[in-house]
Amino acid sequence: VPLSWRWTQFGEIANISGGFAFKSGDYCKDGVFVLRVTNIEPNGSINKDDAVFLSPQKISKEIERYYLNAGDILLVM
């Protein structure tokens, strides 16, 4: 470990948030893509073969908090 590094809590250097559970009845055939664990392949790629979406009318400020951005790190159980 480089001498310039120091131990810290992950929450001190990153924003951590849990996921969001959508009601399956809200899914539709087009709109805003909902990334689900089942869409993530073992190699980390995204498979949209069984994609679900939310209507733009269902998107609120609360849901926008969960949008993924370039550079985000996603941990999946």
PDB file of N, CA and C in Angstrom:
ATOM      1  N   VAL A   1       0.852  -1.181   0.000  1.00  0.00           N
ATOM      2  CA  VAL A   1       0.000   0.000   0.000  1.00  0.00           C
ATOM      3  C   VAL A   1       0.895   1.240   0.000  1.00  0.00           C
ATOM      4  N   PRO A   2       0.646   2.183  -0.907  1.00  0.00           N
ATOM      5  CA  PRO A   2       1.464   3.397  -0.934  1.00  0.00           C
ATOM      6  C   PRO A   2       1.377   4.172   0.386  1.00  0.00           C
ATOM      7  N   LEU A   3       2.473   4.807   0.775  1.00  0.00           N
ATOM      8  CA  LEU A   3       2.521   5.566   2.021  1.00  0.00           C
ATOM      9  C   LEU A   3       1.531   6.730   2.033  1.00  0.00           C
ATOM     10  N   SER A   4       1.172   7.245   0.852  1.00  0.00           N
ATOM     11  CA  SER A   4       0.252   8.382   0.778  1.00  0.00           C
ATOM     12  C   SER A   4      -1.204   7.978   1.013  1.00  0.00           C
ATOM     13  N   TRP A   5      -1.503   6.672   1.030  1.00  0.00           N
ATOM     14  CA  TRP A   5      -2.865   6.205   1.247  1.00  0.00           C
ATOM     15  C   TRP A   5      -3.177   6.188   2.736  1.00  0.00           C
ATOM     16  N   ARG A   6      -4.454   6.293   3.058  1.00  0.00           N
ATOM     17  CA  ARG A   6      -4.865   6.160   4.445  1.00  0.00           C
ATOM     18  C   ARG A   6      -6.169   5.369   4.498  1.00  0.00           C
ATOM     19  N   TRP A   7      -6.405   4.722   5.629  1.00  0.00           N
ATOM     20  CA  TRP A   7      -7.641   3.971   5.824  1.00  0.00           C
ATOM     21  C   TRP A   7      -8.787   4.954   6.044  1.00  0.00           C
ATOM     22  N   THR A   8      -9.953   4.660   5.483  1.00  0.00           N
ATOM     23  CA  THR A   8     -11.131   5.497   5.648  1.00  0.00           C
ATOM     24  C   THR A   8     -12.379   4.641   5.488  1.00  0.00           C
ATOM     25  N   GLN A   9     -13.473   5.147   5.926  1.00  0.00           N
ATOM     26  CA  GLN A   9     -14.754   4.481   5.712  1.00  0.00           C
ATOM     27  C   GLN A   9     -15.221   4.776   4.294  1.00  0.00           C
ATOM     28  N   PHE A  10     -15.796   3.804   3.633  1.00  0.00           N
ATOM     29  CA  PHE A  10     -16.237   3.970   2.252  1.00  0.00           C
ATOM     30  C   PHE A  10     -17.208   5.137   2.122  1.00  0.00           C
ATOM     31  N   GLY A  11     -18.087   5.300   3.090  1.00  0.00           N
ATOM     32  CA  GLY A  11     -19.068   6.379   3.061  1.00  0.00           C
ATOM     33  C   GLY A  11     -18.463   7.772   3.119  1.00  0.00           C
ATOM     34  N   GLU A  12     -17.190   7.877   3.513  1.00  0.00           N
ATOM     35  CA  GLU A  12     -16.520   9.170   3.541  1.00  0.00           C
ATOM     36  C   GLU A  12     -16.045   9.615   2.155  1.00  0.00           C
ATOM     37  N   ILE A  13     -15.929   8.680   1.239  1.00  0.00           N
ATOM     38  CA  ILE A  13     -15.412   9.011  -0.093  1.00  0.00           C
ATOM     39  C   ILE A  13     -16.424   8.748  -1.202  1.00  0.00           C
ATOM     40  N   ALA A  14     -17.613   8.236  -0.845  1.00  0.00           N
ATOM     41  CA  ALA A  14     -18.615   7.913  -1.857  1.00  0.00           C
ATOM     42  C   ALA A  14     -20.011   8.085  -1.273  1.00  0.00           C
ATOM     43  N   ASN A  15     -20.964   8.335  -2.155  1.00  0.00           N
ATOM     44  CA  ASN A  15     -22.367   8.342  -1.751  1.00  0.00           C
ATOM     45  C   ASN A  15     -22.893   6.927  -1.896  1.00  0.00           C
ATOM     46  N   ILE A  16     -23.506   6.415  -0.862  1.00  0.00           N
ATOM     47  CA  ILE A  16     -24.018   5.054  -0.875  1.00  0.00           C
ATOM     48  C   ILE A  16     -25.536   5.115  -0.771  1.00  0.00           C
ATOM     49  N   SER A  17     -26.213   4.395  -1.655  1.00  0.00           N
ATOM     50  CA  SER A  17     -27.666   4.314  -1.565  1.00  0.00           C
ATOM     51  C   SER A  17     -28.105   2.915  -1.951  1.00  0.00           C
ATOM     52  N   GLY A  18     -29.204   2.493  -1.375  1.00  0.00           N
ATOM     53  CA  GLY A  18     -29.771   1.190  -1.707  1.00  0.00           C
ATOM     54  C   GLY A  18     -30.603   1.294  -2.971  1.00  0.00           C
ATOM     55  N   GLY A  19     -31.121   0.195  -3.386  1.00  0.00           N
ATOM     56  CA  GLY A  19     -31.938   0.160  -4.592  1.00  0.00           C
ATOM     57  C   GLY A  19     -33.354   0.625  -4.330  1.00  0.00           C
ATOM     58  N   PHE A  20     -34.198   0.434  -5.316  1.00  0.00           N
ATOM     59  CA  PHE A  20     -35.594   0.840  -5.230  1.00  0.00           C
ATOM     60  C   PHE A  20     -36.424  -0.280  -5.824  1.00  0.00           C
ATOM     61  N   ALA A  21     -37.456  -0.710  -5.122  1.00  0.00           N
ATOM     62  CA  ALA A  21     -38.320  -1.786  -5.619  1.00  0.00           C
ATOM     63  C   ALA A  21     -39.537  -1.194  -6.317  1.00  0.00           C
ATOM     64  N   PHE A  22     -39.627  -1.427  -7.603  1.00  0.00           N
ATOM     65  CA  PHE A  22     -40.787  -0.970  -8.364  1.00  0.00           C
ATOM     66  C   PHE A  22     -41.886  -2.021  -8.304  1.00  0.00           C
ATOM     67  N   LYS A  23     -43.106  -1.583  -8.455  1.00  0.00           N
ATOM     68  CA  LYS A  23     -44.232  -2.511  -8.568  1.00  0.00           C
ATOM     69  C   LYS A  23     -44.234  -3.043  -9.987  1.00  0.00           C
ATOM     70  N   SER A  24     -44.273  -4.350 -10.132  1.00  0.00           N
ATOM     71  CA  SER A  24     -44.216  -4.929 -11.480  1.00  0.00           C
ATOM     72  C   SER A  24     -45.394  -4.460 -12.331  1.00  0.00           C
ATOM     73  N   GLY A  25     -46.496  -4.082 -11.710  1.00  0.00           N
ATOM     74  CA  GLY A  25     -47.645  -3.568 -12.457  1.00  0.00           C
ATOM     75  C   GLY A  25     -47.375  -2.220 -13.111  1.00  0.00           C
ATOM     76  N   ASP A  26     -46.308  -1.540 -12.690  1.00  0.00           N
ATOM     77  CA  ASP A  26     -45.946  -0.246 -13.279  1.00  0.00           C
ATOM     78  C   ASP A  26     -45.086  -0.394 -14.525  1.00  0.00           C
ATOM     79  N   TYR A  27     -44.580  -1.587 -14.802  1.00  0.00           N
ATOM     80  CA  TYR A  27     -43.730  -1.798 -15.968  1.00  0.00           C
ATOM     81  C   TYR A  27     -44.544  -1.667 -17.252  1.00  0.00           C
ATOM     82  N   CYS A  28     -43.877  -1.175 -18.287  1.00  0.00           N
ATOM     83  CA  CYS A  28     -44.518  -1.097 -19.598  1.00  0.00           C
ATOM     84  C   CYS A  28     -43.492  -1.495 -20.660  1.00  0.00           C
ATOM     85  N   LYS A  29     -43.883  -1.464 -21.927  1.00  0.00           N
ATOM     86  CA  LYS A  29     -43.032  -1.963 -23.011  1.00  0.00           C
ATOM     87  C   LYS A  29     -42.015  -0.955 -23.533  1.00  0.00           C
ATOM     88  N   ASP A  30     -42.170   0.322 -23.184  1.00  0.00           N
ATOM     89  CA  ASP A  30     -41.179   1.323 -23.578  1.00  0.00           C
ATOM     90  C   ASP A  30     -41.200   2.460 -22.574  1.00  0.00           C
ATOM     91  N   GLY A  31     -40.208   3.327 -22.671  1.00  0.00           N
ATOM     92  CA  GLY A  31     -40.073   4.423 -21.720  1.00  0.00           C
ATOM     93  C   GLY A  31     -38.680   4.435 -21.127  1.00  0.00           C
ATOM     94  N   VAL A  32     -38.579   4.545 -19.805  1.00  0.00           N
ATOM     95  CA  VAL A  32     -37.298   4.605 -19.103  1.00  0.00           C
ATOM     96  C   VAL A  32     -36.893   3.185 -18.694  1.00  0.00           C
ATOM     97  N   PHE A  33     -35.737   2.742 -19.172  1.00  0.00           N
ATOM     98  CA  PHE A  33     -35.248   1.393 -18.882  1.00  0.00           C
ATOM     99  C   PHE A  33     -35.017   1.216 -17.387  1.00  0.00           C
ATOM    100  N   VAL A  34     -35.479   0.095 -16.848  1.00  0.00           N
ATOM    101  CA  VAL A  34     -35.268  -0.258 -15.442  1.00  0.00           C
ATOM    102  C   VAL A  34     -34.225  -1.372 -15.398  1.00  0.00           C
ATOM    103  N   LEU A  35     -33.066  -1.067 -14.831  1.00  0.00           N
ATOM    104  CA  LEU A  35     -32.010  -2.071 -14.708  1.00  0.00           C
ATOM    105  C   LEU A  35     -32.321  -2.965 -13.518  1.00  0.00           C
ATOM    106  N   ARG A  36     -32.469  -4.265 -13.790  1.00  0.00           N
ATOM    107  CA  ARG A  36     -32.727  -5.252 -12.741  1.00  0.00           C
ATOM    108  C   ARG A  36     -31.534  -6.193 -12.655  1.00  0.00           C
ATOM    109  N   VAL A  37     -31.392  -6.849 -11.534  1.00  0.00           N
ATOM    110  CA  VAL A  37     -30.289  -7.795 -11.349  1.00  0.00           C
ATOM    111  C   VAL A  37     -30.280  -8.820 -12.476  1.00  0.00           C
ATOM    112  N   THR A  38     -31.445  -9.238 -12.923  1.00  0.00           N
ATOM    113  CA  THR A  38     -31.523 -10.247 -13.987  1.00  0.00           C
ATOM    114  C   THR A  38     -30.992  -9.738 -15.322  1.00  0.00           C
ATOM    115  N   ASN A  39     -30.807  -8.416 -15.468  1.00  0.00           N
ATOM    116  CA  ASN A  39     -30.252  -7.851 -16.699  1.00  0.00           C
ATOM    117  C   ASN A  39     -28.729  -7.836 -16.702  1.00  0.00           C
ATOM    118  N   ILE A  40     -28.107  -8.126 -15.561  1.00  0.00           N
ATOM    119  CA  ILE A  40     -26.650  -8.036 -15.455  1.00  0.00           C
ATOM    120  C   ILE A  40     -26.036  -9.425 -15.631  1.00  0.00           C
ATOM    121  N   GLU A  41     -25.224  -9.544 -16.661  1.00  0.00           N
ATOM    122  CA  GLU A  41     -24.557 -10.813 -16.957  1.00  0.00           C
ATOM    123  C   GLU A  41     -23.361 -11.007 -16.020  1.00  0.00           C
ATOM    124  N   PRO A  42     -22.910 -12.257 -15.832  1.00  0.00           N
ATOM    125  CA  PRO A  42     -21.753 -12.511 -14.959  1.00  0.00           C
ATOM    126  C   PRO A  42     -20.508 -11.714 -15.339  1.00  0.00           C
ATOM    127  N   ASN A  43     -20.355 -11.365 -16.619  1.00  0.00           N
ATOM    128  CA  ASN A  43     -19.183 -10.596 -17.050  1.00  0.00           C
ATOM    129  C   ASN A  43     -19.370  -9.094 -16.867  1.00  0.00           C
ATOM    130  N   GLY A  44     -20.536  -8.676 -16.326  1.00  0.00           N
ATOM    131  CA  GLY A  44     -20.802  -7.266 -16.070  1.00  0.00           C
ATOM    132  C   GLY A  44     -21.554  -6.546 -17.179  1.00  0.00           C
ATOM    133  N   SER A  45     -21.765  -7.210 -18.296  1.00  0.00           N
ATOM    134  CA  SER A  45     -22.492  -6.560 -19.389  1.00  0.00           C
ATOM    135  C   SER A  45     -23.991  -6.523 -19.076  1.00  0.00           C
ATOM    136  N   ILE A  46     -24.687  -5.623 -19.742  1.00  0.00           N
ATOM    137  CA  ILE A  46     -26.128  -5.459 -19.555  1.00  0.00           C
ATOM    138  C   ILE A  46     -26.853  -6.171 -20.690  1.00  0.00           C
ATOM    139  N   ASN A  47     -27.760  -7.059 -20.341  1.00  0.00           N
ATOM    140  CA  ASN A  47     -28.561  -7.796 -21.311  1.00  0.00           C
ATOM    141  C   ASN A  47     -29.985  -7.235 -21.258  1.00  0.00           C
ATOM    142  N   LYS A  48     -30.438  -6.668 -22.366  1.00  0.00           N
ATOM    143  CA  LYS A  48     -31.771  -6.060 -22.412  1.00  0.00           C
ATOM    144  C   LYS A  48     -32.800  -6.967 -23.092  1.00  0.00           C
ATOM    145  N   ASP A  49     -32.497  -8.270 -23.226  1.00  0.00           N
ATOM    146  CA  ASP A  49     -33.429  -9.183 -23.884  1.00  0.00           C
ATOM    147  C   ASP A  49     -34.778  -9.231 -23.175  1.00  0.00           C
ATOM    148  N   ASP A  50     -34.782  -9.149 -21.854  1.00  0.00           N
ATOM    149  CA  ASP A  50     -36.020  -9.215 -21.064  1.00  0.00           C
ATOM    150  C   ASP A  50     -36.237  -7.876 -20.349  1.00  0.00           C
ATOM    151  N   ALA A  51     -35.995  -6.775 -21.068  1.00  0.00           N
ATOM    152  CA  ALA A  51     -36.040  -5.445 -20.467  1.00  0.00           C
ATOM    153  C   ALA A  51     -37.457  -5.034 -20.091  1.00  0.00           C
ATOM    154  N   VAL A  52     -37.542  -4.256 -19.017  1.00  0.00           N
ATOM    155  CA  VAL A  52     -38.801  -3.624 -18.627  1.00  0.00           C
ATOM    156  C   VAL A  52     -38.553  -2.127 -18.512  1.00  0.00           C
ATOM    157  N   PHE A  53     -39.608  -1.364 -18.596  1.00  0.00           N
ATOM    158  CA  PHE A  53     -39.513   0.085 -18.630  1.00  0.00           C
ATOM    159  C   PHE A  53     -40.585   0.692 -17.737  1.00  0.00           C
ATOM    160  N   LEU A  54     -40.371   1.945 -17.385  1.00  0.00           N
ATOM    161  CA  LEU A  54     -41.386   2.733 -16.701  1.00  0.00           C
ATOM    162  C   LEU A  54     -41.826   3.849 -17.624  1.00  0.00           C
ATOM    163  N   SER A  55     -43.086   4.156 -17.590  1.00  0.00           N
ATOM    164  CA  SER A  55     -43.599   5.289 -18.339  1.00  0.00           C
ATOM    165  C   SER A  55     -42.972   6.560 -17.778  1.00  0.00           C
ATOM    166  N   PRO A  56     -42.591   7.506 -18.627  1.00  0.00           N
ATOM    167  CA  PRO A  56     -42.036   8.775 -18.128  1.00  0.00           C
ATOM    168  C   PRO A  56     -42.949   9.462 -17.114  1.00  0.00           C
ATOM    169  N   GLN A  57     -44.242   9.228 -17.191  1.00  0.00           N
ATOM    170  CA  GLN A  57     -45.182   9.826 -16.248  1.00  0.00           C
ATOM    171  C   GLN A  57     -45.023   9.251 -14.838  1.00  0.00           C
ATOM    172  N   LYS A  58     -44.413   8.073 -14.714  1.00  0.00           N
ATOM    173  CA  LYS A  58     -44.200   7.436 -13.412  1.00  0.00           C
ATOM    174  C   LYS A  58     -42.902   7.888 -12.745  1.00  0.00           C
ATOM    175  N   ILE A  59     -42.076   8.662 -13.469  1.00  0.00           N
ATOM    176  CA  ILE A  59     -40.778   9.074 -12.943  1.00  0.00           C
ATOM    177  C   ILE A  59     -40.952  10.313 -12.059  1.00  0.00           C
ATOM    178  N   SER A  60     -40.514  10.191 -10.824  1.00  0.00           N
ATOM    179  CA  SER A  60     -40.578  11.302  -9.873  1.00  0.00           C
ATOM    180  C   SER A  60     -39.152  11.703  -9.494  1.00  0.00           C
ATOM    181  N   LYS A  61     -39.021  12.792  -8.756  1.00  0.00           N
ATOM    182  CA  LYS A  61     -37.699  13.220  -8.271  1.00  0.00           C
ATOM    183  C   LYS A  61     -37.082  12.118  -7.408  1.00  0.00           C
ATOM    184  N   GLU A  62     -37.903  11.427  -6.624  1.00  0.00           N
ATOM    185  CA  GLU A  62     -37.393  10.332  -5.781  1.00  0.00           C
ATOM    186  C   GLU A  62     -36.778   9.229  -6.642  1.00  0.00           C
ATOM    187  N   ILE A  63     -37.438   8.866  -7.715  1.00  0.00           N
ATOM    188  CA  ILE A  63     -36.927   7.814  -8.605  1.00  0.00           C
ATOM    189  C   ILE A  63     -35.685   8.291  -9.351  1.00  0.00           C
ATOM    190  N   GLU A  64     -35.629   9.567  -9.733  1.00  0.00           N
ATOM    191  CA  GLU A  64     -34.462  10.098 -10.446  1.00  0.00           C
ATOM    192  C   GLU A  64     -33.190   9.981  -9.621  1.00  0.00           C
ATOM    193  N   ARG A  65     -33.296   9.914  -8.306  1.00  0.00           N
ATOM    194  CA  ARG A  65     -32.120   9.729  -7.440  1.00  0.00           C
ATOM    195  C   ARG A  65     -31.388   8.427  -7.768  1.00  0.00           C
ATOM    196  N   TYR A  66     -32.083   7.477  -8.358  1.00  0.00           N
ATOM    197  CA  TYR A  66     -31.509   6.160  -8.645  1.00  0.00           C
ATOM    198  C   TYR A  66     -30.980   6.027 -10.066  1.00  0.00           C
ATOM    199  N   TYR A  67     -31.028   7.095 -10.848  1.00  0.00           N
ATOM    200  CA  TYR A  67     -30.448   7.047 -12.188  1.00  0.00           C
ATOM    201  C   TYR A  67     -28.946   6.776 -12.069  1.00  0.00           C
ATOM    202  N   LEU A  68     -28.429   5.953 -12.949  1.00  0.00           N
ATOM    203  CA  LEU A  68     -26.991   5.688 -12.987  1.00  0.00           C
ATOM    204  C   LEU A  68     -26.327   6.694 -13.920  1.00  0.00           C
ATOM    205  N   ASN A  69     -25.151   7.128 -13.532  1.00  0.00           N
ATOM    206  CA  ASN A  69     -24.377   8.089 -14.322  1.00  0.00           C
ATOM    207  C   ASN A  69     -23.023   7.494 -14.668  1.00  0.00           C
ATOM    208  N   ALA A  70     -22.409   8.019 -15.721  1.00  0.00           N
ATOM    209  CA  ALA A  70     -21.068   7.577 -16.110  1.00  0.00           C
ATOM    210  C   ALA A  70     -20.147   7.699 -14.907  1.00  0.00           C
ATOM    211  N   GLY A  71     -19.375   6.670 -14.649  1.00  0.00           N
ATOM    212  CA  GLY A  71     -18.440   6.665 -13.528  1.00  0.00           C
ATOM    213  C   GLY A  71     -19.001   6.093 -12.243  1.00  0.00           C
ATOM    214  N   ASP A  72     -20.331   5.871 -12.188  1.00  0.00           N
ATOM    215  CA  ASP A  72     -20.916   5.264 -10.993  1.00  0.00           C
ATOM    216  C   ASP A  72     -20.428   3.837 -10.836  1.00  0.00           C
ATOM    217  N   ILE A  73     -20.348   3.389  -9.617  1.00  0.00           N
ATOM    218  CA  ILE A  73     -20.004   2.002  -9.314  1.00  0.00           C
ATOM    219  C   ILE A  73     -21.250   1.324  -8.789  1.00  0.00           C
ATOM    220  N   LEU A  74     -21.626   0.220  -9.398  1.00  0.00           N
ATOM    221  CA  LEU A  74     -22.834  -0.503  -9.036  1.00  0.00           C
ATOM    222  C   LEU A  74     -22.444  -1.836  -8.415  1.00  0.00           C
ATOM    223  N   LEU A  75     -22.874  -2.056  -7.181  1.00  0.00           N
ATOM    224  CA  LEU A  75     -22.651  -3.334  -6.504  1.00  0.00           C
ATOM    225  C   LEU A  75     -23.972  -4.083  -6.489  1.00  0.00           C
ATOM    226  N   VAL A  76     -23.948  -5.331  -6.893  1.00  0.00           N
ATOM    227  CA  VAL A  76     -25.167  -6.121  -7.000  1.00  0.00           C
ATOM    228  C   VAL A  76     -25.001  -7.407  -6.199  1.00  0.00           C
ATOM    229  N   MET A  77     -26.007  -7.711  -5.406  1.00  0.00           N
ATOM    230  CA  MET A  77     -25.971  -8.959  -4.631  1.00  0.00           C
ATOM    231  C   MET A  77     -26.621 -10.071  -5.433  1.00  0.00           C
TER     232      MET A  77
END
